[in-house]
C-alpha atoms as a PDB file:
ATOM      1  CA  UNK A   1      23.861 -21.999 -18.146  1.00  0.00           C
ATOM      2  CA  UNK A   2      26.007 -20.857 -15.238  1.00  0.00           C
ATOM      3  CA  UNK A   3      24.268 -19.350 -12.238  1.00  0.00           C
ATOM      4  CA  UNK A   4      27.455 -17.913 -10.732  1.00  0.00           C
ATOM      5  CA  UNK A   5      28.231 -14.249 -10.201  1.00  0.00           C
ATOM      6  CA  UNK A   6      31.050 -13.340 -12.581  1.00  0.00           C
ATOM      7  CA  UNK A   7      34.263 -11.577 -11.612  1.00  0.00           C
ATOM      8  CA  UNK A   8      36.655  -9.370 -13.514  1.00  0.00           C
ATOM      9  CA  UNK A   9      40.223 -10.526 -14.025  1.00  0.00           C
ATOM     10  CA  UNK A  10      41.375  -8.335 -11.141  1.00  0.00           C
ATOM     11  CA  UNK A  11      38.697  -9.627  -8.791  1.00  0.00           C
ATOM     12  CA  UNK A  12      39.428 -13.255  -9.630  1.00  0.00           C
ATOM     13  CA  UNK A  13      43.138 -12.591  -9.183  1.00  0.00           C
ATOM     14  CA  UNK A  14      42.535 -11.124  -5.722  1.00  0.00           C
ATOM     15  CA  UNK A  15      40.406 -14.126  -4.727  1.00  0.00           C
ATOM     16  CA  UNK A  16      43.069 -16.555  -5.917  1.00  0.00           C
ATOM     17  CA  UNK A  17      45.775 -14.741  -3.966  1.00  0.00           C
ATOM     18  CA  UNK A  18      43.625 -15.015  -0.838  1.00  0.00           C
ATOM     19  CA  UNK A  19      42.488 -18.649  -0.970  1.00  0.00           C
ATOM     20  CA  UNK A  20      45.340 -20.543  -2.621  1.00  0.00           C
ATOM     21  CA  UNK A  21      47.787 -20.075   0.294  1.00  0.00           C
ATOM     22  CA  UNK A  22      45.146 -21.798   2.442  1.00  0.00           C
ATOM     23  CA  UNK A  23      45.732 -24.891   0.266  1.00  0.00           C
ATOM     24  CA  UNK A  24      42.156 -24.722  -0.968  1.00  0.00           C
ATOM     25  CA  UNK A  25      41.931 -25.738  -4.652  1.00  0.00           C
ATOM     26  CA  UNK A  26      40.378 -23.062  -6.852  1.00  0.00           C
ATOM     27  CA  UNK A  27      38.533 -23.619 -10.149  1.00  0.00           C
ATOM     28  CA  UNK A  28      38.390 -20.708 -12.610  1.00  0.00           C
ATOM     29  CA  UNK A  29      35.583 -20.954 -15.171  1.00  0.00           C
ATOM     30  CA  UNK A  30      35.297 -18.811 -18.256  1.00  0.00           C
ATOM     31  CA  UNK A  31      34.770 -18.642 -22.021  1.00  0.00           C
ATOM     32  CA  UNK A  32      37.535 -19.396 -24.533  1.00  0.00           C
ATOM     33  CA  UNK A  33      40.267 -16.767 -24.684  1.00  0.00           C
ATOM     34  CA  UNK A  34      39.131 -14.892 -21.571  1.00  0.00           C
ATOM     35  CA  UNK A  35      42.498 -15.126 -19.811  1.00  0.00           C
ATOM     36  CA  UNK A  36      42.170 -18.124 -17.492  1.00  0.00           C
ATOM     37  CA  UNK A  37      45.692 -19.421 -18.158  1.00  0.00           C
ATOM     38  CA  UNK A  38      47.098 -15.893 -17.935  1.00  0.00           C
ATOM     39  CA  UNK A  39      45.385 -15.531 -14.562  1.00  0.00           C
ATOM     40  CA  UNK A  40      47.267 -18.574 -13.279  1.00  0.00           C
ATOM     41  CA  UNK A  41      50.610 -17.097 -14.354  1.00  0.00           C
ATOM     42  CA  UNK A  42      49.826 -13.720 -12.793  1.00  0.00           C
ATOM     43  CA  UNK A  43      48.727 -15.270  -9.496  1.00  0.00           C
ATOM     44  CA  UNK A  44      51.840 -17.434  -9.370  1.00  0.00           C
ATOM     45  CA  UNK A  45      53.976 -14.321  -9.811  1.00  0.00           C
ATOM     46  CA  UNK A  46      51.970 -12.523  -7.127  1.00  0.00           C
ATOM     47  CA  UNK A  47      52.698 -15.344  -4.678  1.00  0.00           C
ATOM     48  CA  UNK A  48      56.388 -15.577  -5.569  1.00  0.00           C
ATOM     49  CA  UNK A  49      55.985 -18.950  -7.296  1.00  0.00           C
ATOM     50  CA  UNK A  50      58.369 -19.538 -10.191  1.00  0.00           C
ATOM     51  CA  UNK A  51      57.576 -23.165 -11.039  1.00  0.00           C
ATOM     52  CA  UNK A  52      54.242 -24.039 -12.669  1.00  0.00           C
ATOM     53  CA  UNK A  53      53.287 -27.626 -13.464  1.00  0.00           C
ATOM     54  CA  UNK A  54      50.759 -27.523 -16.324  1.00  0.00           C
ATOM     55  CA  UNK A  55      48.803 -30.774 -16.184  1.00  0.00           C
ATOM     56  CA  UNK A  56      46.192 -31.560 -18.856  1.00  0.00           C
ATOM     57  CA  UNK A  57      43.743 -34.292 -17.897  1.00  0.00           C
ATOM     58  CA  UNK A  58      42.776 -34.786 -21.536  1.00  0.00           C
ATOM     59  CA  UNK A  59      46.256 -36.264 -22.142  1.00  0.00           C
ATOM     60  CA  UNK A  60      46.037 -38.785 -19.296  1.00  0.00           C
ATOM     61  CA  UNK A  61      44.611 -42.211 -18.768  1.00  0.00           C
ATOM     62  CA  UNK A  62      42.895 -42.920 -15.476  1.00  0.00           C
ATOM     63  CA  UNK A  63      45.933 -44.764 -14.024  1.00  0.00           C
ATOM     64  CA  UNK A  64      48.595 -42.262 -15.124  1.00  0.00           C
ATOM     65  CA  UNK A  65      48.398 -40.124 -11.988  1.00  0.00           C
ATOM     66  CA  UNK A  66      49.383 -43.062  -9.805  1.00  0.00           C
ATOM     67  CA  UNK A  67      52.602 -43.700 -11.718  1.00  0.00           C
ATOM     68  CA  UNK A  68      54.478 -46.835 -12.702  1.00  0.00           C
ATOM     69  CA  UNK A  69      54.568 -49.981 -10.530  1.00  0.00           C
ATOM     70  CA  UNK A  70      57.911 -51.509  -9.549  1.00  0.00           C
ATOM     71  CA  UNK A  71      58.737 -54.453  -7.277  1.00  0.00           C
ATOM     72  CA  UNK A  72      61.499 -53.516  -4.870  1.00  0.00           C
ATOM     73  CA  UNK A  73      63.838 -55.719  -2.856  1.00  0.00           C
ATOM     74  CA  UNK A  74      61.240 -56.136  -0.132  1.00  0.00           C
ATOM     75  CA  UNK A  75      59.061 -57.987  -2.629  1.00  0.00           C
ATOM     76  CA  UNK A  76      56.330 -55.355  -2.368  1.00  0.00           C
ATOM     77  CA  UNK A  77      54.965 -53.386  -5.312  1.00  0.00           C
ATOM     78  CA  UNK A  78      55.600 -49.654  -5.056  1.00  0.00           C
ATOM     79  CA  UNK A  79      54.537 -46.833  -7.364  1.00  0.00           C
ATOM     80  CA  UNK A  80      56.981 -44.394  -8.958  1.00  0.00           C
ATOM     81  CA  UNK A  81      55.330 -40.999  -9.128  1.00  0.00           C
ATOM     82  CA  UNK A  82      55.182 -39.466 -12.641  1.00  0.00           C
ATOM     83  CA  UNK A  83      57.578 -36.657 -13.456  1.00  0.00           C
ATOM     84  CA  UNK A  84      54.711 -34.298 -14.301  1.00  0.00           C
ATOM     85  CA  UNK A  85      53.818 -33.983 -10.592  1.00  0.00           C
ATOM     86  CA  UNK A  86      55.735 -31.623  -8.259  1.00  0.00           C
ATOM     87  CA  UNK A  87      58.663 -33.019  -6.262  1.00  0.00           C
ATOM     88  CA  UNK A  88      59.511 -32.167  -2.640  1.00  0.00           C
ATOM     89  CA  UNK A  89      62.754 -30.378  -3.550  1.00  0.00           C
ATOM     90  CA  UNK A  90      61.136 -28.107  -6.163  1.00  0.00           C
ATOM     91  CA  UNK A  91      60.303 -25.323  -3.741  1.00  0.00           C
ATOM     92  CA  UNK A  92      57.049 -23.339  -4.067  1.00  0.00           C
ATOM     93  CA  UNK A  93      55.064 -24.566  -7.062  1.00  0.00           C
ATOM     94  CA  UNK A  94      51.656 -24.200  -8.676  1.00  0.00           C
ATOM     95  CA  UNK A  95      49.916 -27.276 -10.018  1.00  0.00           C
ATOM     96  CA  UNK A  96      47.776 -25.906 -12.854  1.00  0.00           C
ATOM     97  CA  UNK A  97      45.112 -28.293 -14.079  1.00  0.00           C
ATOM     98  CA  UNK A  98      44.334 -26.328 -17.215  1.00  0.00           C
ATOM     99  CA  UNK A  99      41.368 -27.261 -19.409  1.00  0.00           C
ATOM    100  CA  UNK A 100      40.125 -29.481 -16.592  1.00  0.00           C
ATOM    101  CA  UNK A 101      36.721 -29.700 -18.244  1.00  0.00           C
ATOM    102  CA  UNK A 102      38.313 -31.597 -21.131  1.00  0.00           C
ATOM    103  CA  UNK A 103      39.209 -34.468 -18.799  1.00  0.00           C
ATOM    104  CA  UNK A 104      37.151 -37.659 -19.220  1.00  0.00           C
ATOM    105  CA  UNK A 105      35.224 -38.853 -16.134  1.00  0.00           C
ATOM    106  CA  UNK A 106      37.644 -41.719 -15.289  1.00  0.00           C
ATOM    107  CA  UNK A 107      40.535 -39.224 -15.141  1.00  0.00           C
ATOM    108  CA  UNK A 108      38.440 -36.880 -13.034  1.00  0.00           C
ATOM    109  CA  UNK A 109      37.801 -39.739 -10.619  1.00  0.00           C
ATOM    110  CA  UNK A 110      41.536 -40.334 -10.411  1.00  0.00           C
ATOM    111  CA  UNK A 111      41.990 -36.727  -9.278  1.00  0.00           C
ATOM    112  CA  UNK A 112      39.574 -36.896  -6.347  1.00  0.00           C
ATOM    113  CA  UNK A 113      42.193 -37.844  -3.773  1.00  0.00           C
ATOM    114  CA  UNK A 114      44.604 -35.251  -5.172  1.00  0.00           C
ATOM    115  CA  UNK A 115      42.119 -32.415  -4.708  1.00  0.00           C
ATOM    116  CA  UNK A 116      40.915 -33.407  -1.227  1.00  0.00           C
ATOM    117  CA  UNK A 117      43.810 -35.182   0.469  1.00  0.00           C
ATOM    118  CA  UNK A 118      46.644 -33.774  -1.674  1.00  0.00           C
ATOM    119  CA  UNK A 119      47.753 -37.331  -2.412  1.00  0.00           C
ATOM    120  CA  UNK A 120      47.559 -39.983  -5.124  1.00  0.00           C
ATOM    121  CA  UNK A 121      48.274 -43.412  -3.655  1.00  0.00           C
ATOM    122  CA  UNK A 122      51.781 -43.300  -2.183  1.00  0.00           C
ATOM    123  CA  UNK A 123      52.523 -39.882  -3.674  1.00  0.00           C
ATOM    124  CA  UNK A 124      51.976 -36.810  -1.475  1.00  0.00           C
ATOM    125  CA  UNK A 125      51.776 -33.321  -2.932  1.00  0.00           C
ATOM    126  CA  UNK A 126      54.550 -31.143  -1.420  1.00  0.00           C
ATOM    127  CA  UNK A 127      53.308 -28.822   1.280  1.00  0.00           C
ATOM    128  CA  UNK A 128      54.336 -25.692  -0.651  1.00  0.00           C
ATOM    129  CA  UNK A 129      52.459 -26.670  -3.830  1.00  0.00           C
ATOM    130  CA  UNK A 130      49.124 -24.954  -4.545  1.00  0.00           C
ATOM    131  CA  UNK A 131      46.344 -26.219  -6.837  1.00  0.00           C
ATOM    132  CA  UNK A 132      44.571 -24.084  -9.433  1.00  0.00           C
ATOM    133  CA  UNK A 133      42.243 -25.489 -12.095  1.00  0.00           C
ATOM    134  CA  UNK A 134      40.659 -23.807 -15.108  1.00  0.00           C
ATOM    135  CA  UNK A 135      38.157 -24.716 -17.791  1.00  0.00           C
ATOM    136  CA  UNK A 136      35.392 -23.650 -20.139  1.00  0.00           C
ATOM    137  CA  UNK A 137      31.720 -23.691 -19.265  1.00  0.00           C
ATOM    138  CA  UNK A 138      29.160 -26.077 -20.720  1.00  0.00           C
ATOM    139  CA  UNK A 139      27.424 -23.249 -22.596  1.00  0.00           C
ATOM    140  CA  UNK A 140      30.653 -22.442 -24.465  1.00  0.00           C
ATOM    141  CA  UNK A 141      30.268 -25.713 -26.380  1.00  0.00           C
ATOM    142  CA  UNK A 142      34.021 -26.158 -26.325  1.00  0.00           C
ATOM    143  CA  UNK A 143      33.906 -29.939 -26.212  1.00  0.00           C
ATOM    144  CA  UNK A 144      33.835 -29.962 -22.426  1.00  0.00           C
ATOM    145  CA  UNK A 145      33.073 -32.904 -20.178  1.00  0.00           C
ATOM    146  CA  UNK A 146      30.705 -32.379 -17.287  1.00  0.00           C
ATOM    147  CA  UNK A 147      32.713 -32.409 -14.059  1.00  0.00           C
ATOM    148  CA  UNK A 148      31.607 -35.110 -11.647  1.00  0.00           C
ATOM    149  CA  UNK A 149      29.937 -33.881  -8.467  1.00  0.00           C
ATOM    150  CA  UNK A 150      32.553 -35.187  -5.998  1.00  0.00           C
ATOM    151  CA  UNK A 151      35.269 -33.283  -7.869  1.00  0.00           C
ATOM    152  CA  UNK A 152      33.203 -30.095  -8.034  1.00  0.00           C
ATOM    153  CA  UNK A 153      32.693 -30.265  -4.284  1.00  0.00           C
ATOM    154  CA  UNK A 154      36.444 -30.413  -3.638  1.00  0.00           C
ATOM    155  CA  UNK A 155      37.101 -26.906  -5.028  1.00  0.00           C
ATOM    156  CA  UNK A 156      36.078 -23.297  -4.689  1.00  0.00           C
ATOM    157  CA  UNK A 157      34.696 -21.800  -7.910  1.00  0.00           C
ATOM    158  CA  UNK A 158      34.936 -18.394  -9.588  1.00  0.00           C
ATOM    159  CA  UNK A 159      33.720 -17.427 -13.043  1.00  0.00           C
ATOM    160  CA  UNK A 160      35.778 -15.019 -15.115  1.00  0.00           C
ATOM    161  CA  UNK A 161      34.088 -12.268 -17.116  1.00  0.00           C
ATOM    162  CA  UNK A 162      35.619 -10.174 -19.889  1.00  0.00           C
ATOM    163  CA  UNK A 163      35.847  -6.514 -18.851  1.00  0.00           C
ATOM    164  CA  UNK A 164      36.861  -4.157 -21.698  1.00  0.00           C
ATOM    165  CA  UNK A 165      37.852  -1.273 -19.438  1.00  0.00           C
ATOM    166  CA  UNK A 166      40.114  -3.477 -17.337  1.00  0.00           C
ATOM    167  CA  UNK A 167      41.559  -5.091 -20.473  1.00  0.00           C
ATOM    168  CA  UNK A 168      42.403  -1.716 -22.011  1.00  0.00           C
ATOM    169  CA  UNK A 169      44.412  -0.752 -18.928  1.00  0.00           C
ATOM    170  CA  UNK A 170      46.329  -4.025 -19.178  1.00  0.00           C
ATOM    171  CA  UNK A 171      46.769  -3.704 -22.940  1.00  0.00           C
ATOM    172  CA  UNK A 172      48.334  -0.245 -22.655  1.00  0.00           C
ATOM    173  CA  UNK A 173      51.070  -1.646 -20.437  1.00  0.00           C
ATOM    174  CA  UNK A 174      51.472  -4.882 -22.378  1.00  0.00           C
ATOM    175  CA  UNK A 175      52.377  -3.283 -25.693  1.00  0.00           C
ATOM    176  CA  UNK A 176      49.143  -4.033 -27.548  1.00  0.00           C
ATOM    177  CA  UNK A 177      49.178  -1.771 -30.604  1.00  0.00           C
ATOM    178  CA  UNK A 178      47.200   1.465 -30.557  1.00  0.00           C
ATOM    179  CA  UNK A 179      44.949   0.392 -33.445  1.00  0.00           C
ATOM    180  CA  UNK A 180      43.636  -2.568 -31.455  1.00  0.00           C
ATOM    181  CA  UNK A 181      43.164  -0.511 -28.303  1.00  0.00           C
ATOM    182  CA  UNK A 182      41.371   2.219 -30.232  1.00  0.00           C
ATOM    183  CA  UNK A 183      38.998  -0.361 -31.738  1.00  0.00           C
ATOM    184  CA  UNK A 184      38.086  -1.781 -28.328  1.00  0.00           C
ATOM    185  CA  UNK A 185      37.816   1.663 -26.756  1.00  0.00           C
ATOM    186  CA  UNK A 186      35.310   2.683 -29.443  1.00  0.00           C
ATOM    187  CA  UNK A 187      33.453  -0.652 -29.590  1.00  0.00           C
ATOM    188  CA  UNK A 188      33.965  -2.436 -26.227  1.00  0.00           C
ATOM    189  CA  UNK A 189      31.571  -5.226 -27.212  1.00  0.00           C
ATOM    190  CA  UNK A 190      34.132  -6.346 -29.812  1.00  0.00           C
ATOM    191  CA  UNK A 191      36.584  -7.495 -27.144  1.00  0.00           C
ATOM    192  CA  UNK A 192      34.644 -10.727 -26.809  1.00  0.00           C
ATOM    193  CA  UNK A 193      31.921 -12.143 -28.999  1.00  0.00           C
ATOM    194  CA  UNK A 194      31.353 -15.851 -29.262  1.00  0.00           C
ATOM    195  CA  UNK A 195      28.030 -17.401 -30.112  1.00  0.00           C
ATOM    196  CA  UNK A 196      28.490 -21.190 -29.895  1.00  0.00           C
ATOM    197  CA  UNK A 197      25.563 -21.586 -32.302  1.00  0.00           C
ATOM    198  CA  UNK A 198      27.420 -19.750 -35.059  1.00  0.00           C
ATOM    199  CA  UNK A 199      29.664 -21.811 -37.337  1.00  0.00           C
ATOM    200  CA  UNK A 200      32.675 -19.501 -37.101  1.00  0.00           C
ATOM    201  CA  UNK A 201      36.321 -20.514 -37.033  1.00  0.00           C
ATOM    202  CA  UNK A 202      37.633 -17.195 -35.748  1.00  0.00           C
ATOM    203  CA  UNK A 203      35.952 -14.858 -33.280  1.00  0.00           C
ATOM    204  CA  UNK A 204      37.112 -11.947 -31.115  1.00  0.00           C
ATOM    205  CA  UNK A 205      38.437 -12.697 -27.639  1.00  0.00           C
ATOM    206  CA  UNK A 206      41.134 -11.004 -25.529  1.00  0.00           C
ATOM    207  CA  UNK A 207      43.534 -13.728 -26.653  1.00  0.00           C
ATOM    208  CA  UNK A 208      42.636 -13.279 -30.329  1.00  0.00           C
ATOM    209  CA  UNK A 209      43.083  -9.490 -30.152  1.00  0.00           C
ATOM    210  CA  UNK A 210      46.520  -9.990 -28.637  1.00  0.00           C
ATOM    211  CA  UNK A 211      47.356 -12.247 -31.589  1.00  0.00           C
ATOM    212  CA  UNK A 212      46.030  -9.548 -33.936  1.00  0.00           C
ATOM    213  CA  UNK A 213      48.237  -6.956 -32.265  1.00  0.00           C
ATOM    214  CA  UNK A 214      51.289  -9.106 -32.970  1.00  0.00           C
ATOM    215  CA  UNK A 215      50.546 -10.111 -36.567  1.00  0.00           C
ATOM    216  CA  UNK A 216      49.103  -6.856 -37.953  1.00  0.00           C
ATOM    217  CA  UNK A 217      52.349  -4.813 -37.965  1.00  0.00           C
ATOM    218  CA  UNK A 218      54.371  -7.545 -39.737  1.00  0.00           C
ATOM    219  CA  UNK A 219      51.766  -8.649 -42.309  1.00  0.00           C
ATOM    220  CA  UNK A 220      52.029  -7.288 -45.886  1.00  0.00           C
ATOM    221  CA  UNK A 221      49.335  -4.652 -46.424  1.00  0.00           C
ATOM    222  CA  UNK A 222      47.436  -6.638 -49.054  1.00  0.00           C
ATOM    223  CA  UNK A 223      47.172  -9.642 -46.750  1.00  0.00           C
ATOM    224  CA  UNK A 224      46.145  -7.876 -43.557  1.00  0.00           C
ATOM    225  CA  UNK A 225      42.393  -8.209 -44.048  1.00  0.00           C
ATOM    226  CA  UNK A 226      42.301 -11.988 -44.655  1.00  0.00           C
ATOM    227  CA  UNK A 227      44.790 -12.719 -41.907  1.00  0.00           C
ATOM    228  CA  UNK A 228      42.922 -10.591 -39.371  1.00  0.00           C
ATOM    229  CA  UNK A 229      39.650 -12.190 -40.477  1.00  0.00           C
ATOM    230  CA  UNK A 230      41.227 -15.501 -39.584  1.00  0.00           C
ATOM    231  CA  UNK A 231      42.197 -14.112 -36.187  1.00  0.00           C
ATOM    232  CA  UNK A 232      39.209 -12.151 -34.851  1.00  0.00           C
ATOM    233  CA  UNK A 233      36.499 -12.895 -37.432  1.00  0.00           C
ATOM    234  CA  UNK A 234      34.990 -10.960 -40.328  1.00  0.00           C
ATOM    235  CA  UNK A 235      32.856  -8.453 -38.432  1.00  0.00           C
ATOM    236  CA  UNK A 236      35.568  -7.473 -35.965  1.00  0.00           C
ATOM    237  CA  UNK A 237      38.077  -7.147 -38.818  1.00  0.00           C
ATOM    238  CA  UNK A 238      35.769  -4.734 -40.657  1.00  0.00           C
ATOM    239  CA  UNK A 239      35.439  -2.592 -37.538  1.00  0.00           C
ATOM    240  CA  UNK A 240      39.188  -2.678 -36.939  1.00  0.00           C
ATOM    241  CA  UNK A 241      40.064  -1.652 -40.495  1.00  0.00           C
ATOM    242  CA  UNK A 242      37.532   1.184 -40.318  1.00  0.00           C
ATOM    243  CA  UNK A 243      39.264   2.480 -37.195  1.00  0.00           C
ATOM    244  CA  UNK A 244      42.642   2.227 -38.941  1.00  0.00           C
ATOM    245  CA  UNK A 245      41.302   4.263 -41.867  1.00  0.00           C
ATOM    246  CA  UNK A 246      39.867   6.908 -39.552  1.00  0.00           C
ATOM    247  CA  UNK A 247      43.078   7.180 -37.568  1.00  0.00           C
ATOM    248  CA  UNK A 248      45.018   7.892 -40.752  1.00  0.00           C
ATOM    249  CA  UNK A 249      43.004  11.126 -41.138  1.00  0.00           C
ATOM    250  CA  UNK A 250      43.365  12.343 -37.559  1.00  0.00           C
ATOM    251  CA  UNK A 251      44.935  15.612 -36.489  1.00  0.00           C
ATOM    252  CA  UNK A 252      48.457  14.912 -35.157  1.00  0.00           C
ATOM    253  CA  UNK A 253      48.558  14.821 -31.362  1.00  0.00           C
ATOM    254  CA  UNK A 254      51.272  17.466 -31.261  1.00  0.00           C
ATOM    255  CA  UNK A 255      49.027  19.824 -33.233  1.00  0.00           C
ATOM    256  CA  UNK A 256      46.109  19.198 -30.876  1.00  0.00           C
ATOM    257  CA  UNK A 257      48.148  19.819 -27.750  1.00  0.00           C
ATOM    258  CA  UNK A 258      50.062  22.762 -29.206  1.00  0.00           C
ATOM    259  CA  UNK A 259      46.862  24.590 -30.135  1.00  0.00           C
ATOM    260  CA  UNK A 260      44.549  23.114 -27.525  1.00  0.00           C
ATOM    261  CA  UNK A 261      42.455  26.272 -27.161  1.00  0.00           C
ATOM    262  CA  UNK A 262      41.962  26.993 -30.856  1.00  0.00           C
ATOM    263  CA  UNK A 263      42.648  23.917 -33.017  1.00  0.00           C
ATOM    264  CA  UNK A 264      39.632  22.635 -34.936  1.00  0.00           C
ATOM    265  CA  UNK A 265      38.354  19.353 -33.500  1.00  0.00           C
ATOM    266  CA  UNK A 266      36.844  16.687 -35.778  1.00  0.00           C
ATOM    267  CA  UNK A 267      33.075  16.883 -36.241  1.00  0.00           C
ATOM    268  CA  UNK A 268      32.837  13.137 -36.907  1.00  0.00           C
ATOM    269  CA  UNK A 269      32.168  11.348 -33.563  1.00  0.00           C
ATOM    270  CA  UNK A 270      34.177   8.325 -34.672  1.00  0.00           C
ATOM    271  CA  UNK A 271      37.175  10.488 -35.481  1.00  0.00           C
ATOM    272  CA  UNK A 272      36.837  12.440 -32.237  1.00  0.00           C
ATOM    273  CA  UNK A 273      36.647   9.196 -30.294  1.00  0.00           C
ATOM    274  CA  UNK A 274      39.833   8.029 -32.018  1.00  0.00           C
ATOM    275  CA  UNK A 275      41.516  11.350 -31.147  1.00  0.00           C
ATOM    276  CA  UNK A 276      40.668  10.686 -27.503  1.00  0.00           C
ATOM    277  CA  UNK A 277      42.464   7.350 -27.729  1.00  0.00           C
ATOM    278  CA  UNK A 278      45.545   8.993 -29.205  1.00  0.00           C
ATOM    279  CA  UNK A 279      45.553  11.682 -26.534  1.00  0.00           C
ATOM    280  CA  UNK A 280      45.327   9.117 -23.743  1.00  0.00           C
ATOM    281  CA  UNK A 281      48.192   7.120 -25.235  1.00  0.00           C
ATOM    282  CA  UNK A 282      50.295  10.284 -25.511  1.00  0.00           C
ATOM    283  CA  UNK A 283      49.490  11.181 -21.898  1.00  0.00           C
ATOM    284  CA  UNK A 284      50.553   7.715 -20.772  1.00  0.00           C
ATOM    285  CA  UNK A 285      53.997   8.253 -22.297  1.00  0.00           C
ATOM    286  CA  UNK A 286      54.354  11.984 -21.647  1.00  0.00           C
ATOM    287  CA  UNK A 287      52.698  12.943 -18.377  1.00  0.00           C
ATOM    288  CA  UNK A 288      54.322  16.337 -17.825  1.00  0.00           C
ATOM    289  CA  UNK A 289      52.194  19.192 -16.516  1.00  0.00           C
ATOM    290  CA  UNK A 290      51.966  21.156 -19.826  1.00  0.00           C
ATOM    291  CA  UNK A 291      50.698  18.044 -21.629  1.00  0.00           C
ATOM    292  CA  UNK A 292      48.053  17.375 -18.982  1.00  0.00           C
ATOM    293  CA  UNK A 293      47.014  21.032 -18.900  1.00  0.00           C
ATOM    294  CA  UNK A 294      46.545  21.047 -22.682  1.00  0.00           C
ATOM    295  CA  UNK A 295      44.584  17.810 -22.443  1.00  0.00           C
ATOM    296  CA  UNK A 296      42.192  19.429 -19.959  1.00  0.00           C
ATOM    297  CA  UNK A 297      41.760  22.385 -22.301  1.00  0.00           C
ATOM    298  CA  UNK A 298      40.772  20.003 -25.086  1.00  0.00           C
ATOM    299  CA  UNK A 299      38.423  18.120 -22.750  1.00  0.00           C
ATOM    300  CA  UNK A 300      36.589  21.360 -21.999  1.00  0.00           C
ATOM    301  CA  UNK A 301      35.908  21.786 -25.723  1.00  0.00           C
ATOM    302  CA  UNK A 302      34.546  18.289 -26.356  1.00  0.00           C
ATOM    303  CA  UNK A 303      31.007  16.922 -26.021  1.00  0.00           C
ATOM    304  CA  UNK A 304      30.258  15.833 -22.460  1.00  0.00           C
ATOM    305  CA  UNK A 305      30.534  12.069 -22.987  1.00  0.00           C
ATOM    306  CA  UNK A 306      33.843  12.247 -24.828  1.00  0.00           C
ATOM    307  CA  UNK A 307      35.150  14.853 -22.403  1.00  0.00           C
ATOM    308  CA  UNK A 308      34.434  12.458 -19.535  1.00  0.00           C
ATOM    309  CA  UNK A 309      36.019   9.567 -21.431  1.00  0.00           C
ATOM    310  CA  UNK A 310      39.185  11.558 -22.091  1.00  0.00           C
ATOM    311  CA  UNK A 311      39.601  12.730 -18.504  1.00  0.00           C
ATOM    312  CA  UNK A 312      38.710   9.351 -16.963  1.00  0.00           C
ATOM    313  CA  UNK A 313      41.106   7.350 -19.142  1.00  0.00           C
ATOM    314  CA  UNK A 314      43.897   9.913 -18.913  1.00  0.00           C
ATOM    315  CA  UNK A 315      43.563   9.996 -15.119  1.00  0.00           C
ATOM    316  CA  UNK A 316      44.019   6.219 -15.006  1.00  0.00           C
ATOM    317  CA  UNK A 317      47.402   6.441 -16.700  1.00  0.00           C
ATOM    318  CA  UNK A 318      48.361   9.774 -15.101  1.00  0.00           C
ATOM    319  CA  UNK A 319      46.573  10.232 -11.722  1.00  0.00           C
ATOM    320  CA  UNK A 320      48.314  13.595 -11.280  1.00  0.00           C
ATOM    321  CA  UNK A 321      45.860  14.984 -13.836  1.00  0.00           C
ATOM    322  CA  UNK A 322      43.052  15.255 -11.292  1.00  0.00           C
ATOM    323  CA  UNK A 323      45.085  17.287  -8.792  1.00  0.00           C
ATOM    324  CA  UNK A 324      46.087  19.998 -11.246  1.00  0.00           C
ATOM    325  CA  UNK A 325      44.480  23.372 -10.512  1.00  0.00           C
ATOM    326  CA  UNK A 326      43.136  23.373 -14.087  1.00  0.00           C
ATOM    327  CA  UNK A 327      41.228  20.152 -13.345  1.00  0.00           C
ATOM    328  CA  UNK A 328      39.144  21.587 -10.532  1.00  0.00           C
ATOM    329  CA  UNK A 329      36.700  23.620 -12.697  1.00  0.00           C
ATOM    330  CA  UNK A 330      36.190  20.599 -14.953  1.00  0.00           C
ATOM    331  CA  UNK A 331      35.539  18.336 -11.949  1.00  0.00           C
ATOM    332  CA  UNK A 332      33.078  20.829 -10.485  1.00  0.00           C
ATOM    333  CA  UNK A 333      31.011  20.650 -13.659  1.00  0.00           C
ATOM    334  CA  UNK A 334      31.460  17.030 -14.710  1.00  0.00           C
ATOM    335  CA  UNK A 335      32.368  14.893 -11.689  1.00  0.00           C
ATOM    336  CA  UNK A 336      28.995  13.128 -11.893  1.00  0.00           C
ATOM    337  CA  UNK A 337      29.975  11.823 -15.340  1.00  0.00           C
ATOM    338  CA  UNK A 338      32.925   9.959 -13.805  1.00  0.00           C
ATOM    339  CA  UNK A 339      30.845   8.395 -11.042  1.00  0.00           C
ATOM    340  CA  UNK A 340      27.671   7.422 -12.942  1.00  0.00           C
END
């Protein structure tokens, strides 16, 4: 098992932005579907890098990195670098060694010079190319190869953790459907669950939930359950469909906001939790002062935990909420709930 301190996506992204420009190779560890490849794309964008070379060691033989030998006019054998390595005229580039832990030991050995000296034989990595590697951990039982010690010692290492709160913020801006976000908001532990000892073909991960968000709206109603079961697993599908059923019985958001002081709130905690999700989504799209004032009125009528959840999540998408005069009495009574 790993003994490393884990980082959220945002923390790992900040570390990568800091160390990669120093030309220090970085290895990102994490479970399947946690967002390792997405992290590489985000970091490249952060650093203004448009070209990414995605190199998979599992597809190489040990000699492939060196290239093809040719005898030139001088009678000496030279090596033509493979096209899958960055060229000097490419401009800024990221060499992504994705699924590095799938590489067999001979291929890993062939990468040693690349990671330390930024060369392979006659080939030299362009000065404006950065190296980022990613792979699963041994405990994930994802068919990984143990990385050889000399290769491990040529990189910095971070381990990526799945953070539901951070993911929900991303999902709201990425177009993930409300039903998926409501499910994760109510049951955060469903964002990722993978027991390598269980014989399951599908299991919930951030990647799988994104797939679910894309396939659910276009799947015929009678086929939604089996297709989702094949995407996020049986248990997560049951929870998701229960949330969908609850949401169908919710009070319309316009009714809640229009009668914030008097409208009857659901007694069922699951339904009230789902209403919170709808209110936050509405606030994200409509952050005018009357909407936020009505939201605070509703928060004052909810149980403490859900009141704190509503205000905290709404403030993330509309920070102006916390500076409204109407927010000050709520903060005076409940600020400790936001900081616990």
